[in-house]
N, C-alpha and C. Protein backbone atom coordinates (compact mmCIF):
# COMPACT_ATOMS: atom_id res chain seq x y z
N MET A 1 13.52 -44.68 -5.94
CA MET A 1 14.76 -44.14 -5.81
C MET A 1 15.00 -42.78 -6.24
N LYS A 2 14.60 -42.52 -7.64
CA LYS A 2 14.15 -41.30 -8.04
C LYS A 2 13.57 -40.40 -7.09
N ARG A 3 12.40 -40.92 -6.85
CA ARG A 3 11.36 -39.95 -5.90
C ARG A 3 12.41 -39.57 -4.61
N LEU A 4 12.97 -40.45 -4.04
CA LEU A 4 13.62 -40.19 -2.80
C LEU A 4 14.82 -39.14 -3.20
N LEU A 5 15.18 -39.23 -4.07
CA LEU A 5 16.55 -38.23 -4.52
C LEU A 5 15.99 -36.84 -4.69
N PHE A 6 14.70 -36.81 -5.41
CA PHE A 6 13.76 -35.52 -5.52
C PHE A 6 13.69 -35.06 -4.20
N VAL A 7 13.25 -35.71 -3.32
CA VAL A 7 12.77 -35.10 -2.00
C VAL A 7 14.12 -34.64 -1.38
N VAL A 8 15.15 -35.30 -1.25
CA VAL A 8 16.34 -34.93 -0.45
C VAL A 8 16.69 -33.83 -1.26
N LEU A 9 16.83 -33.58 -2.46
CA LEU A 9 17.41 -32.24 -3.24
C LEU A 9 16.27 -31.22 -2.94
N ALA A 10 15.02 -31.52 -3.01
CA ALA A 10 14.13 -30.05 -2.62
C ALA A 10 14.28 -29.90 -0.96
N LEU A 11 14.53 -30.69 -0.19
CA LEU A 11 14.78 -30.44 1.20
C LEU A 11 16.35 -29.37 1.30
N ALA A 12 17.29 -29.92 0.57
CA ALA A 12 18.27 -29.39 0.60
C ALA A 12 18.33 -27.87 0.01
N LEU A 13 17.60 -27.90 -0.96
CA LEU A 13 17.27 -26.49 -1.58
C LEU A 13 16.53 -25.54 -0.62
N LEU A 14 15.49 -26.29 0.08
CA LEU A 14 14.52 -25.33 1.14
C LEU A 14 15.50 -24.74 2.14
N GLY A 15 16.33 -25.70 2.59
CA GLY A 15 17.24 -25.53 3.59
C GLY A 15 18.34 -24.41 3.35
N GLU A 16 18.46 -24.44 2.01
CA GLU A 16 19.72 -23.38 1.51
C GLU A 16 18.84 -21.86 1.54
N THR A 17 17.72 -21.88 1.02
CA THR A 17 17.07 -20.70 0.61
C THR A 17 15.84 -20.18 1.60
N GLY A 18 15.01 -21.32 2.08
CA GLY A 18 13.97 -20.89 2.70
C GLY A 18 14.16 -20.61 4.35
N CYS A 19 14.86 -20.99 5.04
CA CYS A 19 15.01 -21.30 6.39
C CYS A 19 15.97 -19.99 6.89
N LYS A 20 16.77 -19.40 6.08
CA LYS A 20 17.68 -18.22 6.60
C LYS A 20 17.07 -16.95 6.96
N PRO A 21 17.17 -16.32 7.91
CA PRO A 21 16.57 -14.92 8.17
C PRO A 21 17.36 -13.88 7.30
N LYS A 22 16.31 -13.01 6.98
CA LYS A 22 16.73 -12.08 5.85
C LYS A 22 17.58 -11.17 6.67
N ARG A 23 18.74 -10.89 6.08
CA ARG A 23 19.53 -9.84 6.60
C ARG A 23 19.29 -8.56 6.34
N GLU A 24 19.68 -7.75 7.28
CA GLU A 24 19.37 -6.32 7.06
C GLU A 24 20.40 -5.59 6.15
N PRO A 25 19.99 -4.61 5.26
CA PRO A 25 21.04 -3.89 4.32
C PRO A 25 22.08 -3.12 4.87
N THR A 26 23.31 -3.33 4.42
CA THR A 26 24.53 -2.64 5.01
C THR A 26 24.28 -1.17 4.90
N SER A 27 25.11 -0.51 5.22
CA SER A 27 25.20 0.97 5.43
C SER A 27 25.37 1.37 4.00
N LEU A 28 26.37 0.79 3.32
CA LEU A 28 26.64 0.98 1.86
C LEU A 28 25.57 0.77 0.95
N GLU A 29 25.01 -0.36 1.22
CA GLU A 29 23.46 -0.56 0.34
C GLU A 29 22.49 0.43 0.90
N ARG A 30 22.49 0.84 1.77
CA ARG A 30 21.29 1.89 2.03
C ARG A 30 21.62 3.36 1.31
N LYS A 31 23.09 3.71 1.48
CA LYS A 31 23.60 4.98 0.92
C LYS A 31 23.30 4.74 -0.85
N LYS A 32 23.70 3.48 -1.22
CA LYS A 32 23.41 3.32 -2.83
C LYS A 32 21.85 3.45 -2.95
N ALA A 33 20.90 2.93 -2.20
CA ALA A 33 19.59 2.94 -2.43
C ALA A 33 19.16 4.43 -2.25
N GLU A 34 19.67 4.98 -1.69
CA GLU A 34 19.05 6.51 -1.42
C GLU A 34 19.49 7.38 -2.58
N SER A 35 20.69 7.11 -3.06
CA SER A 35 21.14 7.87 -4.34
C SER A 35 20.16 7.40 -5.65
N LEU A 36 19.88 6.16 -5.69
CA LEU A 36 18.95 5.79 -6.48
C LEU A 36 17.58 6.23 -6.59
N LEU A 37 17.02 6.37 -5.17
CA LEU A 37 15.84 6.94 -5.12
C LEU A 37 16.04 8.48 -5.36
N THR A 38 17.00 9.15 -5.20
CA THR A 38 16.88 10.42 -5.52
C THR A 38 16.91 10.63 -7.09
N GLU A 39 17.57 9.85 -7.96
CA GLU A 39 17.63 9.78 -9.33
C GLU A 39 16.30 9.32 -9.87
N ALA A 40 15.56 8.27 -9.18
CA ALA A 40 14.44 7.77 -9.65
C ALA A 40 13.38 8.91 -9.33
N ASN A 41 13.47 9.69 -8.45
CA ASN A 41 12.38 10.88 -8.08
C ASN A 41 12.73 11.81 -9.15
N PHE A 42 13.86 12.13 -9.57
CA PHE A 42 14.06 13.04 -10.62
C PHE A 42 13.58 12.50 -11.87
N ALA A 43 13.82 11.29 -12.20
CA ALA A 43 13.25 10.69 -13.48
C ALA A 43 11.47 10.80 -13.21
N GLU A 44 10.93 10.64 -12.28
CA GLU A 44 9.74 10.58 -12.11
C GLU A 44 9.12 12.03 -12.46
N THR A 45 9.89 13.12 -11.90
CA THR A 45 9.44 14.57 -12.12
C THR A 45 9.56 14.77 -13.54
N MET A 46 10.53 14.25 -14.34
CA MET A 46 10.74 14.47 -15.93
C MET A 46 9.74 13.48 -16.48
N ARG A 47 9.01 12.51 -15.87
CA ARG A 47 7.94 11.83 -16.64
C ARG A 47 8.87 10.74 -17.29
N ASP A 48 9.92 10.31 -16.95
CA ASP A 48 10.68 9.21 -17.46
C ASP A 48 10.23 7.92 -16.79
N TRP A 49 9.12 7.46 -17.01
CA TRP A 49 8.78 6.44 -16.35
C TRP A 49 9.47 5.02 -16.47
N PRO A 50 9.81 4.76 -17.58
CA PRO A 50 10.90 3.55 -17.56
C PRO A 50 12.09 3.79 -16.76
N ARG A 51 12.51 4.77 -16.80
CA ARG A 51 14.20 5.10 -16.11
C ARG A 51 13.53 4.78 -14.47
N ALA A 52 12.63 5.60 -14.11
CA ALA A 52 11.98 5.75 -12.66
C ALA A 52 11.97 4.12 -12.35
N GLU A 53 11.11 3.45 -13.15
CA GLU A 53 10.83 2.13 -12.77
C GLU A 53 12.32 1.18 -12.47
N LYS A 54 13.01 1.31 -13.50
CA LYS A 54 14.29 0.70 -13.12
C LYS A 54 15.20 1.17 -12.18
N LEU A 55 15.17 2.39 -11.85
CA LEU A 55 15.73 2.85 -10.41
C LEU A 55 15.18 2.25 -9.26
N TYR A 56 13.82 2.47 -9.10
CA TYR A 56 13.09 2.09 -7.95
C TYR A 56 13.28 0.48 -7.85
N ALA A 57 13.23 -0.14 -8.93
CA ALA A 57 13.60 -1.62 -8.60
C ALA A 57 14.82 -1.95 -8.18
N GLU A 58 15.78 -1.31 -8.70
CA GLU A 58 17.22 -1.52 -8.10
C GLU A 58 17.37 -1.32 -6.74
N ALA A 59 16.76 -0.17 -6.26
CA ALA A 59 16.99 0.29 -4.87
C ALA A 59 16.08 -0.69 -4.19
N GLY A 60 14.81 -1.19 -4.70
CA GLY A 60 14.28 -2.23 -3.91
C GLY A 60 15.02 -3.48 -3.53
N LYS A 61 15.99 -3.83 -4.60
CA LYS A 61 16.66 -4.95 -4.14
C LYS A 61 17.82 -4.89 -3.21
N LEU A 62 18.05 -3.68 -3.02
CA LEU A 62 18.90 -3.35 -2.08
C LEU A 62 18.60 -2.87 -0.82
N THR A 63 17.17 -2.66 -0.70
CA THR A 63 16.52 -2.49 0.60
C THR A 63 15.06 -2.84 0.59
N PRO A 64 14.95 -4.07 0.82
CA PRO A 64 13.79 -4.84 0.26
C PRO A 64 12.69 -4.65 1.43
N GLY A 65 13.23 -4.10 2.62
CA GLY A 65 12.12 -3.66 3.77
C GLY A 65 11.55 -2.43 3.71
N ASP A 66 11.92 -1.50 2.61
CA ASP A 66 11.08 -0.23 2.48
C ASP A 66 9.92 -0.32 1.66
N GLY A 67 8.93 -0.19 2.65
CA GLY A 67 7.45 -0.35 2.02
C GLY A 67 7.25 0.75 1.29
N ASP A 68 7.56 1.89 1.41
CA ASP A 68 7.19 3.20 0.55
C ASP A 68 7.74 3.14 -0.73
N LEU A 69 9.20 2.62 -0.71
CA LEU A 69 9.72 2.34 -2.15
C LEU A 69 8.87 1.58 -2.97
N TRP A 70 8.48 0.34 -2.44
CA TRP A 70 7.70 -0.65 -3.20
C TRP A 70 6.43 -0.12 -3.76
N LEU A 71 5.60 0.63 -2.89
CA LEU A 71 4.41 1.31 -3.18
C LEU A 71 4.61 2.35 -4.36
N GLN A 72 5.99 3.10 -4.46
CA GLN A 72 6.05 4.05 -5.48
C GLN A 72 6.45 3.38 -6.55
N LEU A 73 7.21 2.21 -6.53
CA LEU A 73 7.54 1.28 -7.86
C LEU A 73 6.16 0.84 -8.32
N GLY A 74 5.30 0.32 -7.38
CA GLY A 74 4.12 -0.16 -8.00
C GLY A 74 3.07 1.08 -8.66
N THR A 75 3.16 2.03 -8.39
CA THR A 75 2.54 3.22 -8.73
C THR A 75 3.09 3.70 -10.27
N ILE A 76 4.64 3.57 -10.13
CA ILE A 76 5.12 3.96 -11.58
C ILE A 76 4.76 2.73 -12.61
N ARG A 77 4.68 1.56 -12.16
CA ARG A 77 4.34 0.37 -13.07
C ARG A 77 3.02 0.53 -13.38
N ARG A 78 1.98 0.93 -12.62
CA ARG A 78 0.71 1.19 -12.93
C ARG A 78 0.31 2.50 -13.90
N ARG A 79 1.14 3.29 -13.70
CA ARG A 79 1.08 4.43 -14.89
C ARG A 79 1.48 3.78 -16.27
N GLN A 80 2.21 2.89 -16.33
CA GLN A 80 2.80 2.26 -17.63
C GLN A 80 2.03 1.21 -17.93
N ASP A 81 0.86 1.01 -17.05
CA ASP A 81 -0.24 -0.17 -17.58
C ASP A 81 0.32 -1.36 -17.18
N ASP A 82 1.46 -1.62 -16.18
CA ASP A 82 1.98 -2.98 -15.80
C ASP A 82 1.03 -3.33 -14.82
N ARG A 83 -0.02 -3.97 -14.86
CA ARG A 83 -0.77 -4.18 -13.74
C ARG A 83 -0.24 -5.45 -12.90
N ASN A 84 0.38 -6.48 -13.55
CA ASN A 84 1.14 -7.72 -12.79
C ASN A 84 2.38 -7.24 -11.96
N GLY A 85 3.21 -6.22 -12.76
CA GLY A 85 4.27 -5.66 -11.99
C GLY A 85 3.86 -4.89 -10.77
N ALA A 86 2.77 -3.98 -11.08
CA ALA A 86 2.29 -3.14 -9.91
C ALA A 86 1.88 -3.95 -8.66
N LYS A 87 1.39 -5.21 -9.09
CA LYS A 87 0.55 -5.90 -7.96
C LYS A 87 1.63 -6.44 -7.12
N LYS A 88 2.71 -7.08 -7.80
CA LYS A 88 4.19 -7.43 -7.02
C LYS A 88 4.67 -6.52 -6.20
N ALA A 89 4.73 -5.39 -6.56
CA ALA A 89 5.46 -4.12 -5.98
C ALA A 89 4.50 -3.99 -4.85
N TYR A 90 3.18 -3.80 -5.09
CA TYR A 90 2.35 -3.35 -3.83
C TYR A 90 2.49 -4.62 -2.67
N ALA A 91 2.56 -5.75 -3.26
CA ALA A 91 2.50 -6.98 -2.51
C ALA A 91 3.87 -6.97 -1.70
N ASN A 92 4.95 -6.55 -1.99
CA ASN A 92 6.16 -6.37 -1.61
C ASN A 92 6.08 -5.33 -0.44
N GLY A 93 5.31 -4.15 -0.94
CA GLY A 93 5.38 -3.48 0.14
C GLY A 93 4.51 -3.66 1.27
N LEU A 94 3.42 -4.31 1.14
CA LEU A 94 2.63 -4.80 2.18
C LEU A 94 3.37 -5.68 3.17
N ASP A 95 3.95 -6.63 2.29
CA ASP A 95 5.08 -7.58 3.39
C ASP A 95 6.11 -6.88 4.09
N ALA A 96 6.71 -5.74 3.62
CA ALA A 96 7.42 -4.68 4.21
C ALA A 96 7.01 -4.35 5.46
N TYR A 97 5.56 -3.57 5.42
CA TYR A 97 4.84 -3.10 6.32
C TYR A 97 4.66 -4.13 7.45
N ARG A 98 4.10 -5.25 6.99
CA ARG A 98 3.86 -6.27 8.03
C ARG A 98 5.17 -6.78 8.89
N ALA A 99 6.10 -6.64 8.25
CA ALA A 99 7.60 -7.16 8.85
C ALA A 99 7.78 -5.89 9.86
N ALA A 100 7.69 -4.75 9.43
CA ALA A 100 7.80 -3.61 10.19
C ALA A 100 6.99 -3.58 11.50
N TYR A 101 5.73 -3.85 11.48
CA TYR A 101 4.90 -3.82 12.53
C TYR A 101 5.18 -5.13 13.34
N LYS A 102 5.40 -6.28 12.86
CA LYS A 102 5.91 -7.28 13.62
C LYS A 102 7.02 -7.17 14.37
N LYS A 103 7.78 -6.15 14.00
CA LYS A 103 9.41 -6.05 14.51
C LYS A 103 8.73 -4.97 15.79
N ASP A 104 8.04 -4.04 15.57
CA ASP A 104 7.68 -2.97 16.51
C ASP A 104 6.38 -2.87 16.57
N GLY A 105 5.65 -3.54 17.34
CA GLY A 105 4.04 -3.51 17.36
C GLY A 105 3.59 -2.22 18.25
N LYS A 106 4.39 -1.62 18.55
CA LYS A 106 3.97 -0.34 19.61
C LYS A 106 3.67 0.74 18.59
N ASN A 107 4.42 0.80 17.39
CA ASN A 107 4.30 1.94 16.38
C ASN A 107 3.16 1.57 15.45
N PRO A 108 2.20 2.21 15.38
CA PRO A 108 0.97 2.33 14.59
C PRO A 108 1.11 2.49 13.22
N THR A 109 2.30 3.19 12.79
CA THR A 109 2.40 3.66 11.48
C THR A 109 2.56 2.35 10.36
N PRO A 110 3.26 1.72 10.68
CA PRO A 110 3.13 0.22 9.64
C PRO A 110 1.73 -0.32 9.25
N LEU A 111 1.12 -0.30 10.63
CA LEU A 111 -0.16 -0.88 10.49
C LEU A 111 -1.08 0.12 9.60
N ILE A 112 -1.16 1.30 9.53
CA ILE A 112 -1.74 2.25 8.85
C ILE A 112 -1.15 2.19 7.44
N GLN A 113 0.00 2.02 7.02
CA GLN A 113 0.42 1.69 5.92
C GLN A 113 0.03 0.58 5.33
N GLN A 114 -0.34 -0.47 6.13
CA GLN A 114 -0.90 -1.84 5.44
C GLN A 114 -2.00 -1.30 4.98
N VAL A 115 -3.00 -0.66 5.64
CA VAL A 115 -4.28 -0.06 4.94
C VAL A 115 -4.17 0.34 3.84
N TYR A 116 -3.30 1.21 3.33
CA TYR A 116 -2.97 1.83 2.16
C TYR A 116 -2.43 0.72 0.94
N ALA A 117 -1.64 -0.06 1.43
CA ALA A 117 -1.22 -1.15 0.60
C ALA A 117 -2.30 -2.25 0.11
N LEU A 118 -3.14 -2.45 0.96
CA LEU A 118 -4.04 -3.43 0.87
C LEU A 118 -5.14 -2.72 -0.16
N ALA A 119 -5.57 -1.62 0.26
CA ALA A 119 -6.38 -0.78 -0.59
C ALA A 119 -5.88 -0.59 -2.34
N LEU A 120 -4.61 -0.35 -2.42
CA LEU A 120 -3.93 -0.41 -3.75
C LEU A 120 -4.06 -1.63 -4.33
N LEU A 121 -4.21 -2.80 -3.57
CA LEU A 121 -4.21 -4.14 -4.23
C LEU A 121 -5.67 -4.32 -4.50
N GLY A 122 -6.54 -3.55 -4.19
CA GLY A 122 -8.01 -3.93 -4.20
C GLY A 122 -8.48 -4.62 -3.14
N ARG A 123 -7.93 -4.81 -2.28
CA ARG A 123 -8.50 -5.56 -0.83
C ARG A 123 -8.95 -4.66 -0.08
N VAL A 124 -10.05 -3.93 -0.51
CA VAL A 124 -10.43 -2.60 0.45
C VAL A 124 -11.07 -3.45 1.68
N ASP A 125 -11.81 -4.29 1.76
CA ASP A 125 -12.69 -4.91 2.96
C ASP A 125 -11.54 -5.34 4.02
N GLU A 126 -10.47 -5.98 3.54
CA GLU A 126 -9.35 -6.14 4.36
C GLU A 126 -8.54 -5.16 4.96
N ALA A 127 -8.61 -4.04 3.79
CA ALA A 127 -8.03 -2.88 4.53
C ALA A 127 -8.80 -2.17 5.59
N ARG A 128 -10.23 -2.27 5.49
CA ARG A 128 -11.11 -1.75 6.54
C ARG A 128 -10.87 -2.53 7.81
N LYS A 129 -10.72 -3.62 7.75
CA LYS A 129 -10.39 -4.68 8.90
C LYS A 129 -9.11 -4.21 9.62
N THR A 130 -8.17 -3.90 8.95
CA THR A 130 -6.91 -3.85 9.51
C THR A 130 -6.92 -2.39 10.09
N LEU A 131 -7.69 -1.51 9.57
CA LEU A 131 -7.93 0.03 10.17
C LEU A 131 -8.77 -0.11 11.49
N ALA A 132 -9.76 -1.19 11.45
CA ALA A 132 -10.53 -1.30 12.78
C ALA A 132 -9.51 -1.75 13.83
N GLN A 133 -8.57 -2.73 13.37
CA GLN A 133 -7.64 -3.43 14.16
C GLN A 133 -6.65 -2.23 14.80
N ALA A 134 -6.30 -1.31 13.79
CA ALA A 134 -5.37 -0.16 14.23
C ALA A 134 -6.23 0.65 15.52
N ARG A 135 -7.25 1.09 15.10
CA ARG A 135 -8.11 1.56 16.37
C ARG A 135 -8.29 1.01 17.32
N LEU A 136 -8.31 -0.30 17.53
CA LEU A 136 -8.51 -0.92 18.73
C LEU A 136 -7.21 -1.31 19.56
N LYS A 137 -6.09 -1.40 18.94
CA LYS A 137 -4.78 -1.46 19.39
C LYS A 137 -3.93 -0.27 19.52
N HIS A 138 -4.47 0.77 18.91
CA HIS A 138 -3.91 2.01 19.31
C HIS A 138 -4.74 3.19 19.27
N ALA A 139 -5.60 3.07 20.05
CA ALA A 139 -6.83 4.01 20.19
C ALA A 139 -6.25 5.53 21.00
N ASP A 140 -5.11 5.33 21.59
CA ASP A 140 -4.49 6.41 22.24
C ASP A 140 -3.70 7.45 21.15
N ASN A 141 -3.60 6.80 20.06
CA ASN A 141 -2.67 7.57 18.93
C ASN A 141 -3.55 8.38 18.35
N ALA A 142 -2.89 9.78 18.10
CA ALA A 142 -3.98 10.77 17.48
C ALA A 142 -3.89 10.56 16.09
N ALA A 143 -2.64 10.07 15.14
CA ALA A 143 -2.79 9.76 13.82
C ALA A 143 -4.10 8.68 13.48
N VAL A 144 -3.78 7.66 14.30
CA VAL A 144 -4.89 6.72 14.19
C VAL A 144 -6.15 7.20 14.47
N ARG A 145 -6.40 7.88 15.53
CA ARG A 145 -7.84 8.45 15.52
C ARG A 145 -8.26 9.64 14.48
N ASN A 146 -7.42 10.15 13.69
CA ASN A 146 -7.69 11.09 12.86
C ASN A 146 -8.08 10.28 11.53
N PHE A 147 -7.44 9.06 11.37
CA PHE A 147 -7.57 8.37 10.11
C PHE A 147 -9.08 7.71 10.13
N THR A 148 -10.15 8.47 9.98
CA THR A 148 -11.58 7.91 10.16
C THR A 148 -11.88 7.21 8.80
N ASP A 149 -13.15 6.79 8.96
CA ASP A 149 -13.71 6.08 7.81
C ASP A 149 -13.94 7.00 6.38
N ALA A 150 -14.33 8.22 6.93
CA ALA A 150 -14.64 9.08 6.09
C ALA A 150 -13.39 9.57 5.29
N LYS A 151 -12.30 9.80 5.83
CA LYS A 151 -11.01 10.18 5.43
C LYS A 151 -10.78 8.86 4.26
N PHE A 152 -10.77 7.73 4.84
CA PHE A 152 -10.55 6.61 4.04
C PHE A 152 -11.16 6.58 2.72
N ASP A 153 -12.45 6.69 2.75
CA ASP A 153 -13.58 6.67 1.64
C ASP A 153 -13.09 7.85 0.73
N GLN A 154 -12.93 9.06 1.11
CA GLN A 154 -12.38 10.12 0.37
C GLN A 154 -11.28 9.83 -0.20
N TRP A 155 -10.11 9.19 0.39
CA TRP A 155 -9.02 8.69 -0.38
C TRP A 155 -9.39 7.81 -1.45
N LEU A 156 -10.25 6.88 -1.34
CA LEU A 156 -10.52 5.90 -2.15
C LEU A 156 -11.44 6.30 -3.34
N ALA A 157 -12.03 7.38 -3.30
CA ALA A 157 -12.72 8.18 -4.39
C ALA A 157 -11.74 9.10 -5.08
N SER A 158 -10.53 9.65 -4.55
CA SER A 158 -9.57 10.29 -5.21
C SER A 158 -9.16 9.84 -6.64
N ALA A 159 -8.77 10.85 -7.44
CA ALA A 159 -8.29 10.49 -8.96
C ALA A 159 -7.02 9.71 -8.54
N ASP A 160 -6.12 10.46 -7.88
CA ASP A 160 -4.57 9.81 -7.41
C ASP A 160 -4.97 8.28 -7.16
N PHE A 161 -5.95 7.93 -6.36
CA PHE A 161 -5.82 6.57 -5.76
C PHE A 161 -6.30 5.78 -7.00
N LYS A 162 -7.36 6.16 -7.73
CA LYS A 162 -7.92 5.58 -8.78
C LYS A 162 -6.84 5.17 -9.73
N ALA A 163 -5.95 6.25 -9.98
CA ALA A 163 -4.73 5.95 -11.04
C ALA A 163 -3.98 4.96 -10.48
N ALA A 164 -3.72 4.86 -9.26
CA ALA A 164 -2.70 3.82 -8.93
C ALA A 164 -3.14 2.51 -8.37
N ALA A 165 -4.66 2.36 -8.32
CA ALA A 165 -4.84 1.05 -7.65
C ALA A 165 -5.28 0.15 -8.83
N LEU A 166 -5.22 -1.02 -8.39
CA LEU A 166 -5.57 -2.10 -9.13
C LEU A 166 -7.04 -2.48 -9.38
């Protein structure tokens, strides 16, 4: 009987949380997030990493589909040597880019952004496969054609990447 009750409760919770589609942020939430991002950029310029992290995290809660925001939050967390926090932020960014590409598969930008997120997560082989996929699906796009393996390797070797990557 207890097992049945547990299963029923688990299914009820799953129905409440897991099955609803994610809602889009409202106009007010987007404006608030933009304000937070401006303040976070200023805090980052002043090298106030804890404040910048807090502001980026708040903005991320308001606009979870903004992959760039999540990568920036991950970079800030990495600067503070919070590897687990950076990993979560990079993973959220990757999820946002995947959702954006799923929504509009004709635009190669989210696919290229997935390459960056995967590399920051330390999944370089998967990033290379995604880059190859982008070349196959979007061979006519100049940005995709210009993103060569040599440029990718150069980026992987850069000091900025090494400081931000896991």
